[in-house]
Amino acid sequence: MTTIYDLIEVTDISANTTYSTDIGNLLGIVDDMSGTSLNDGEFDWNDNVEIGGVTYNIDEIQKPTTSGIIAEGDDTEHRF
């Protein structure tokens, strides 16, 4: 079983956007999403995953159309 740590939940994905709980477009961080369907290194449409002991089925995935940078509070940057 694979676990994804710190999955970021946002309202939408847009280019050149700052995400923040103060702005309202960063809904939160989901810790420890897991599932055997994640063993291929990604989650896909119709995969079952578990968060906090509850099983969910992924019925929609929106991937970014542009590359971007995630900057953490300590100024650490992650490029994708």
PDB file of N, CA and C in Angstrom:
ATOM      1  N   MET A   1       0.846  -1.174   0.000  1.00  0.00           N
ATOM      2  CA  MET A   1       0.000   0.000   0.000  1.00  0.00           C
ATOM      3  C   MET A   1       0.890   1.234   0.000  1.00  0.00           C
ATOM      4  N   THR A   2       0.550   2.204  -0.819  1.00  0.00           N
ATOM      5  CA  THR A   2       1.300   3.449  -0.947  1.00  0.00           C
ATOM      6  C   THR A   2       0.577   4.559  -0.199  1.00  0.00           C
ATOM      7  N   THR A   3       1.342   5.484   0.373  1.00  0.00           N
ATOM      8  CA  THR A   3       0.785   6.633   1.085  1.00  0.00           C
ATOM      9  C   THR A   3       1.285   7.918   0.448  1.00  0.00           C
ATOM     10  N   ILE A   4       0.387   8.870   0.222  1.00  0.00           N
ATOM     11  CA  ILE A   4       0.745  10.207  -0.245  1.00  0.00           C
ATOM     12  C   ILE A   4       0.596  11.146   0.942  1.00  0.00           C
ATOM     13  N   TYR A   5       1.665  11.839   1.278  1.00  0.00           N
ATOM     14  CA  TYR A   5       1.658  12.774   2.396  1.00  0.00           C
ATOM     15  C   TYR A   5       1.423  14.186   1.876  1.00  0.00           C
ATOM     16  N   ASP A   6       0.702  14.972   2.635  1.00  0.00           N
ATOM     17  CA  ASP A   6       0.501  16.392   2.339  1.00  0.00           C
ATOM     18  C   ASP A   6      -0.068  16.648   0.948  1.00  0.00           C
ATOM     19  N   LEU A   7      -1.204  16.068   0.674  1.00  0.00           N
ATOM     20  CA  LEU A   7      -1.936  16.327  -0.557  1.00  0.00           C
ATOM     21  C   LEU A   7      -2.626  17.679  -0.401  1.00  0.00           C
ATOM     22  N   ILE A   8      -2.389  18.594  -1.320  1.00  0.00           N
ATOM     23  CA  ILE A   8      -2.940  19.944  -1.221  1.00  0.00           C
ATOM     24  C   ILE A   8      -4.295  19.987  -1.912  1.00  0.00           C
ATOM     25  N   GLU A   9      -5.304  20.464  -1.195  1.00  0.00           N
ATOM     26  CA  GLU A   9      -6.664  20.549  -1.725  1.00  0.00           C
ATOM     27  C   GLU A   9      -6.992  22.004  -2.023  1.00  0.00           C
ATOM     28  N   VAL A  10      -7.242  22.316  -3.311  1.00  0.00           N
ATOM     29  CA  VAL A  10      -7.535  23.680  -3.736  1.00  0.00           C
ATOM     30  C   VAL A  10      -8.891  23.741  -4.431  1.00  0.00           C
ATOM     31  N   THR A  11      -9.405  24.959  -4.593  1.00  0.00           N
ATOM     32  CA  THR A  11     -10.700  25.135  -5.243  1.00  0.00           C
ATOM     33  C   THR A  11     -10.613  24.971  -6.748  1.00  0.00           C
ATOM     34  N   ASP A  12      -9.489  25.407  -7.347  1.00  0.00           N
ATOM     35  CA  ASP A  12      -9.250  25.235  -8.779  1.00  0.00           C
ATOM     36  C   ASP A  12      -7.756  25.393  -9.031  1.00  0.00           C
ATOM     37  N   ILE A  13      -7.341  25.097 -10.255  1.00  0.00           N
ATOM     38  CA  ILE A  13      -5.930  25.213 -10.615  1.00  0.00           C
ATOM     39  C   ILE A  13      -5.833  26.234 -11.737  1.00  0.00           C
ATOM     40  N   SER A  14      -5.113  27.324 -11.466  1.00  0.00           N
ATOM     41  CA  SER A  14      -4.969  28.396 -12.444  1.00  0.00           C
ATOM     42  C   SER A  14      -3.518  28.847 -12.507  1.00  0.00           C
ATOM     43  N   ALA A  15      -3.102  29.308 -13.673  1.00  0.00           N
ATOM     44  CA  ALA A  15      -1.734  29.806 -13.840  1.00  0.00           C
ATOM     45  C   ALA A  15      -1.515  31.064 -13.009  1.00  0.00           C
ATOM     46  N   ASN A  16      -0.288  31.221 -12.533  1.00  0.00           N
ATOM     47  CA  ASN A  16       0.130  32.429 -11.808  1.00  0.00           C
ATOM     48  C   ASN A  16      -0.782  32.749 -10.625  1.00  0.00           C
ATOM     49  N   THR A  17      -1.125  31.743  -9.850  1.00  0.00           N
ATOM     50  CA  THR A  17      -2.049  31.903  -8.724  1.00  0.00           C
ATOM     51  C   THR A  17      -1.329  31.618  -7.420  1.00  0.00           C
ATOM     52  N   THR A  18      -1.552  32.465  -6.450  1.00  0.00           N
ATOM     53  CA  THR A  18      -1.091  32.210  -5.092  1.00  0.00           C
ATOM     54  C   THR A  18      -2.240  31.559  -4.341  1.00  0.00           C
ATOM     55  N   TYR A  19      -1.970  30.420  -3.709  1.00  0.00           N
ATOM     56  CA  TYR A  19      -3.006  29.703  -2.968  1.00  0.00           C
ATOM     57  C   TYR A  19      -2.811  29.946  -1.485  1.00  0.00           C
ATOM     58  N   SER A  20      -3.895  30.280  -0.809  1.00  0.00           N
ATOM     59  CA  SER A  20      -3.835  30.618   0.610  1.00  0.00           C
ATOM     60  C   SER A  20      -5.185  30.360   1.263  1.00  0.00           C
ATOM     61  N   THR A  21      -5.150  29.962   2.522  1.00  0.00           N
ATOM     62  CA  THR A  21      -6.414  29.817   3.257  1.00  0.00           C
ATOM     63  C   THR A  21      -7.040  31.183   3.489  1.00  0.00           C
ATOM     64  N   ASP A  22      -6.225  32.240   3.596  1.00  0.00           N
ATOM     65  CA  ASP A  22      -6.762  33.594   3.760  1.00  0.00           C
ATOM     66  C   ASP A  22      -7.532  34.049   2.526  1.00  0.00           C
ATOM     67  N   ILE A  23      -7.019  33.705   1.344  1.00  0.00           N
ATOM     68  CA  ILE A  23      -7.701  34.047   0.094  1.00  0.00           C
ATOM     69  C   ILE A  23      -8.940  33.169  -0.086  1.00  0.00           C
ATOM     70  N   GLY A  24      -8.870  31.935   0.406  1.00  0.00           N
ATOM     71  CA  GLY A  24     -10.005  31.018   0.325  1.00  0.00           C
ATOM     72  C   GLY A  24      -9.888  29.975  -0.769  1.00  0.00           C
ATOM     73  N   ASN A  25      -8.793  30.002  -1.555  1.00  0.00           N
ATOM     74  CA  ASN A  25      -8.659  29.012  -2.623  1.00  0.00           C
ATOM     75  C   ASN A  25      -7.811  27.808  -2.216  1.00  0.00           C
ATOM     76  N   LEU A  26      -7.198  27.847  -1.040  1.00  0.00           N
ATOM     77  CA  LEU A  26      -6.513  26.684  -0.469  1.00  0.00           C
ATOM     78  C   LEU A  26      -7.421  26.128   0.619  1.00  0.00           C
ATOM     79  N   LEU A  27      -8.009  24.973   0.360  1.00  0.00           N
ATOM     80  CA  LEU A  27      -8.982  24.409   1.294  1.00  0.00           C
ATOM     81  C   LEU A  27      -8.313  23.704   2.457  1.00  0.00           C
ATOM     82  N   GLY A  28      -7.129  23.152   2.225  1.00  0.00           N
ATOM     83  CA  GLY A  28      -6.447  22.470   3.309  1.00  0.00           C
ATOM     84  C   GLY A  28      -5.430  21.486   2.788  1.00  0.00           C
ATOM     85  N   ILE A  29      -4.827  20.783   3.718  1.00  0.00           N
ATOM     86  CA  ILE A  29      -3.833  19.771   3.405  1.00  0.00           C
ATOM     87  C   ILE A  29      -4.344  18.449   3.958  1.00  0.00           C
ATOM     88  N   VAL A  30      -4.384  17.451   3.111  1.00  0.00           N
ATOM     89  CA  VAL A  30      -4.845  16.132   3.504  1.00  0.00           C
ATOM     90  C   VAL A  30      -3.617  15.282   3.791  1.00  0.00           C
ATOM     91  N   ASP A  31      -3.499  14.784   5.009  1.00  0.00           N
ATOM     92  CA  ASP A  31      -2.377  13.942   5.379  1.00  0.00           C
ATOM     93  C   ASP A  31      -2.728  12.469   5.209  1.00  0.00           C
ATOM     94  N   ASP A  32      -1.766  11.715   4.742  1.00  0.00           N
ATOM     95  CA  ASP A  32      -1.840  10.256   4.722  1.00  0.00           C
ATOM     96  C   ASP A  32      -2.982   9.676   3.900  1.00  0.00           C
ATOM     97  N   MET A  33      -3.087  10.074   2.641  1.00  0.00           N
ATOM     98  CA  MET A  33      -4.003   9.403   1.725  1.00  0.00           C
ATOM     99  C   MET A  33      -3.301   8.132   1.267  1.00  0.00           C
ATOM    100  N   SER A  34      -3.960   7.002   1.342  1.00  0.00           N
ATOM    101  CA  SER A  34      -3.310   5.744   0.998  1.00  0.00           C
ATOM    102  C   SER A  34      -4.245   4.858   0.190  1.00  0.00           C
ATOM    103  N   GLY A  35      -3.651   3.849  -0.424  1.00  0.00           N
ATOM    104  CA  GLY A  35      -4.443   2.881  -1.172  1.00  0.00           C
ATOM    105  C   GLY A  35      -3.559   2.029  -2.050  1.00  0.00           C
ATOM    106  N   THR A  36      -3.978   0.815  -2.316  1.00  0.00           N
ATOM    107  CA  THR A  36      -3.196  -0.075  -3.166  1.00  0.00           C
ATOM    108  C   THR A  36      -3.203   0.401  -4.615  1.00  0.00           C
ATOM    109  N   SER A  37      -4.222   1.154  -5.034  1.00  0.00           N
ATOM    110  CA  SER A  37      -4.259   1.657  -6.409  1.00  0.00           C
ATOM    111  C   SER A  37      -3.221   2.749  -6.637  1.00  0.00           C
ATOM    112  N   LEU A  38      -2.581   3.241  -5.575  1.00  0.00           N
ATOM    113  CA  LEU A  38      -1.526   4.245  -5.703  1.00  0.00           C
ATOM    114  C   LEU A  38      -0.159   3.614  -5.934  1.00  0.00           C
ATOM    115  N   ASN A  39      -0.081   2.294  -5.940  1.00  0.00           N
ATOM    116  CA  ASN A  39       1.197   1.603  -6.085  1.00  0.00           C
ATOM    117  C   ASN A  39       1.889   1.894  -7.417  1.00  0.00           C
ATOM    118  N   ASP A  40       1.143   2.383  -8.411  1.00  0.00           N
ATOM    119  CA  ASP A  40       1.765   2.719  -9.698  1.00  0.00           C
ATOM    120  C   ASP A  40       2.385   4.113  -9.688  1.00  0.00           C
ATOM    121  N   GLY A  41       2.342   4.811  -8.539  1.00  0.00           N
ATOM    122  CA  GLY A  41       2.984   6.114  -8.394  1.00  0.00           C
ATOM    123  C   GLY A  41       2.083   7.297  -8.645  1.00  0.00           C
ATOM    124  N   GLU A  42       0.820   7.061  -8.921  1.00  0.00           N
ATOM    125  CA  GLU A  42      -0.109   8.158  -9.153  1.00  0.00           C
ATOM    126  C   GLU A  42      -1.526   7.706  -8.835  1.00  0.00           C
ATOM    127  N   PHE A  43      -2.419   8.676  -8.708  1.00  0.00           N
ATOM    128  CA  PHE A  43      -3.813   8.293  -8.566  1.00  0.00           C
ATOM    129  C   PHE A  43      -4.531   8.644  -9.862  1.00  0.00           C
ATOM    130  N   ASP A  44      -5.451   7.786 -10.236  1.00  0.00           N
ATOM    131  CA  ASP A  44      -6.147   7.883 -11.509  1.00  0.00           C
ATOM    132  C   ASP A  44      -7.647   7.879 -11.284  1.00  0.00           C
ATOM    133  N   TRP A  45      -8.370   8.242 -12.343  1.00  0.00           N
ATOM    134  CA  TRP A  45      -9.821   8.200 -12.300  1.00  0.00           C
ATOM    135  C   TRP A  45     -10.275   6.792 -11.939  1.00  0.00           C
ATOM    136  N   ASN A  46     -11.216   6.695 -11.034  1.00  0.00           N
ATOM    137  CA  ASN A  46     -11.842   5.466 -10.567  1.00  0.00           C
ATOM    138  C   ASN A  46     -10.990   4.678  -9.572  1.00  0.00           C
ATOM    139  N   ASP A  47      -9.866   5.250  -9.109  1.00  0.00           N
ATOM    140  CA  ASP A  47      -9.090   4.616  -8.036  1.00  0.00           C
ATOM    141  C   ASP A  47      -9.826   4.773  -6.712  1.00  0.00           C
ATOM    142  N   ASN A  48      -9.665   3.808  -5.835  1.00  0.00           N
ATOM    143  CA  ASN A  48     -10.160   3.925  -4.463  1.00  0.00           C
ATOM    144  C   ASN A  48      -8.991   4.290  -3.567  1.00  0.00           C
ATOM    145  N   VAL A  49      -9.185   5.298  -2.718  1.00  0.00           N
ATOM    146  CA  VAL A  49      -8.158   5.733  -1.781  1.00  0.00           C
ATOM    147  C   VAL A  49      -8.787   5.856  -0.397  1.00  0.00           C
ATOM    148  N   GLU A  50      -7.949   5.827   0.617  1.00  0.00           N
ATOM    149  CA  GLU A  50      -8.435   5.919   1.993  1.00  0.00           C
ATOM    150  C   GLU A  50      -7.825   7.149   2.667  1.00  0.00           C
ATOM    151  N   ILE A  51      -8.685   7.941   3.291  1.00  0.00           N
ATOM    152  CA  ILE A  51      -8.267   9.107   4.065  1.00  0.00           C
ATOM    153  C   ILE A  51      -8.966   9.035   5.409  1.00  0.00           C
ATOM    154  N   GLY A  52      -8.195   8.955   6.475  1.00  0.00           N
ATOM    155  CA  GLY A  52      -8.767   8.920   7.818  1.00  0.00           C
ATOM    156  C   GLY A  52      -9.708   7.757   8.053  1.00  0.00           C
ATOM    157  N   GLY A  53      -9.423   6.615   7.421  1.00  0.00           N
ATOM    158  CA  GLY A  53     -10.254   5.435   7.619  1.00  0.00           C
ATOM    159  C   GLY A  53     -11.496   5.375   6.743  1.00  0.00           C
ATOM    160  N   VAL A  54     -11.713   6.385   5.898  1.00  0.00           N
ATOM    161  CA  VAL A  54     -12.868   6.418   5.006  1.00  0.00           C
ATOM    162  C   VAL A  54     -12.378   6.192   3.576  1.00  0.00           C
ATOM    163  N   THR A  55     -13.042   5.308   2.830  1.00  0.00           N
ATOM    164  CA  THR A  55     -12.669   5.021   1.454  1.00  0.00           C
ATOM    165  C   THR A  55     -13.427   5.946   0.512  1.00  0.00           C
ATOM    166  N   TYR A  56     -12.678   6.539  -0.423  1.00  0.00           N
ATOM    167  CA  TYR A  56     -13.242   7.430  -1.438  1.00  0.00           C
ATOM    168  C   TYR A  56     -12.883   6.893  -2.812  1.00  0.00           C
ATOM    169  N   ASN A  57     -13.747   7.166  -3.795  1.00  0.00           N
ATOM    170  CA  ASN A  57     -13.482   6.811  -5.172  1.00  0.00           C
ATOM    171  C   ASN A  57     -13.204   8.102  -5.929  1.00  0.00           C
ATOM    172  N   ILE A  58     -12.071   8.160  -6.638  1.00  0.00           N
ATOM    173  CA  ILE A  58     -11.717   9.360  -7.390  1.00  0.00           C
ATOM    174  C   ILE A  58     -12.550   9.380  -8.666  1.00  0.00           C
ATOM    175  N   ASP A  59     -13.449  10.372  -8.760  1.00  0.00           N
ATOM    176  CA  ASP A  59     -14.323  10.444  -9.927  1.00  0.00           C
ATOM    177  C   ASP A  59     -14.036  11.666 -10.799  1.00  0.00           C
ATOM    178  N   GLU A  60     -13.055  12.489 -10.405  1.00  0.00           N
ATOM    179  CA  GLU A  60     -12.659  13.621 -11.234  1.00  0.00           C
ATOM    180  C   GLU A  60     -11.222  13.987 -10.916  1.00  0.00           C
ATOM    181  N   ILE A  61     -10.451  14.264 -11.949  1.00  0.00           N
ATOM    182  CA  ILE A  61      -9.062  14.694 -11.794  1.00  0.00           C
ATOM    183  C   ILE A  61      -8.850  15.875 -12.727  1.00  0.00           C
ATOM    184  N   GLN A  62      -8.322  16.956 -12.177  1.00  0.00           N
ATOM    185  CA  GLN A  62      -7.966  18.103 -13.009  1.00  0.00           C
ATOM    186  C   GLN A  62      -6.468  18.307 -12.895  1.00  0.00           C
ATOM    187  N   LYS A  63      -5.784  18.164 -14.008  1.00  0.00           N
ATOM    188  CA  LYS A  63      -4.335  18.334 -14.028  1.00  0.00           C
ATOM    189  C   LYS A  63      -4.016  19.741 -14.523  1.00  0.00           C
ATOM    190  N   PRO A  64      -2.927  20.331 -14.000  1.00  0.00           N
ATOM    191  CA  PRO A  64      -2.562  21.676 -14.454  1.00  0.00           C
ATOM    192  C   PRO A  64      -2.178  21.671 -15.934  1.00  0.00           C
ATOM    193  N   THR A  65      -2.488  22.756 -16.612  1.00  0.00           N
ATOM    194  CA  THR A  65      -2.147  22.881 -18.025  1.00  0.00           C
ATOM    195  C   THR A  65      -0.815  23.605 -18.220  1.00  0.00           C
ATOM    196  N   THR A  66      -0.249  24.135 -17.143  1.00  0.00           N
ATOM    197  CA  THR A  66       1.030  24.830 -17.216  1.00  0.00           C
ATOM    198  C   THR A  66       1.932  24.321 -16.109  1.00  0.00           C
ATOM    199  N   SER A  67       3.229  24.584 -16.233  1.00  0.00           N
ATOM    200  CA  SER A  67       4.152  24.232 -15.159  1.00  0.00           C
ATOM    201  C   SER A  67       4.026  25.271 -14.042  1.00  0.00           C
ATOM    202  N   GLY A  68       4.589  24.964 -12.898  1.00  0.00           N
ATOM    203  CA  GLY A  68       4.456  25.906 -11.788  1.00  0.00           C
ATOM    204  C   GLY A  68       5.465  25.671 -10.694  1.00  0.00           C
ATOM    205  N   ILE A  69       5.342  26.481  -9.667  1.00  0.00           N
ATOM    206  CA  ILE A  69       6.212  26.410  -8.497  1.00  0.00           C
ATOM    207  C   ILE A  69       5.332  26.436  -7.257  1.00  0.00           C
ATOM    208  N   ILE A  70       5.631  25.551  -6.316  1.00  0.00           N
ATOM    209  CA  ILE A  70       4.979  25.596  -5.006  1.00  0.00           C
ATOM    210  C   ILE A  70       6.031  26.092  -4.028  1.00  0.00           C
ATOM    211  N   ALA A  71       5.742  27.179  -3.339  1.00  0.00           N
ATOM    212  CA  ALA A  71       6.663  27.732  -2.352  1.00  0.00           C
ATOM    213  C   ALA A  71       6.089  27.508  -0.968  1.00  0.00           C
ATOM    214  N   GLU A  72       6.868  26.863  -0.112  1.00  0.00           N
ATOM    215  CA  GLU A  72       6.441  26.615   1.262  1.00  0.00           C
ATOM    216  C   GLU A  72       6.729  27.836   2.129  1.00  0.00           C
ATOM    217  N   GLY A  73       6.220  27.842   3.349  1.00  0.00           N
ATOM    218  CA  GLY A  73       6.405  28.958   4.254  1.00  0.00           C
ATOM    219  C   GLY A  73       7.855  29.256   4.574  1.00  0.00           C
ATOM    220  N   ASP A  74       8.729  28.253   4.483  1.00  0.00           N
ATOM    221  CA  ASP A  74      10.156  28.469   4.763  1.00  0.00           C
ATOM    222  C   ASP A  74      10.936  28.807   3.486  1.00  0.00           C
ATOM    223  N   ASP A  75      10.219  29.203   2.413  1.00  0.00           N
ATOM    224  CA  ASP A  75      10.790  29.588   1.124  1.00  0.00           C
ATOM    225  C   ASP A  75      11.357  28.423   0.323  1.00  0.00           C
ATOM    226  N   THR A  76      11.108  27.178   0.741  1.00  0.00           N
ATOM    227  CA  THR A  76      11.483  26.019  -0.063  1.00  0.00           C
ATOM    228  C   THR A  76      10.571  25.977  -1.285  1.00  0.00           C
ATOM    229  N   GLU A  77      11.144  25.804  -2.485  1.00  0.00           N
ATOM    230  CA  GLU A  77      10.354  25.774  -3.711  1.00  0.00           C
ATOM    231  C   GLU A  77      10.376  24.390  -4.334  1.00  0.00           C
ATOM    232  N   HIS A  78       9.235  23.984  -4.882  1.00  0.00           N
ATOM    233  CA  HIS A  78       9.097  22.721  -5.603  1.00  0.00           C
ATOM    234  C   HIS A  78       8.570  23.075  -6.992  1.00  0.00           C
ATOM    235  N   ARG A  79       9.297  22.674  -8.023  1.00  0.00           N
ATOM    236  CA  ARG A  79       8.890  22.948  -9.408  1.00  0.00           C
ATOM    237  C   ARG A  79       8.258  21.694 -10.015  1.00  0.00           C
ATOM    238  N   PHE A  80       7.217  21.895 -10.772  1.00  0.00           N
ATOM    239  CA  PHE A  80       6.571  20.777 -11.471  1.00  0.00           C
ATOM    240  C   PHE A  80       6.204  21.197 -12.867  1.00  0.00           C
TER     241      PHE A  80
END
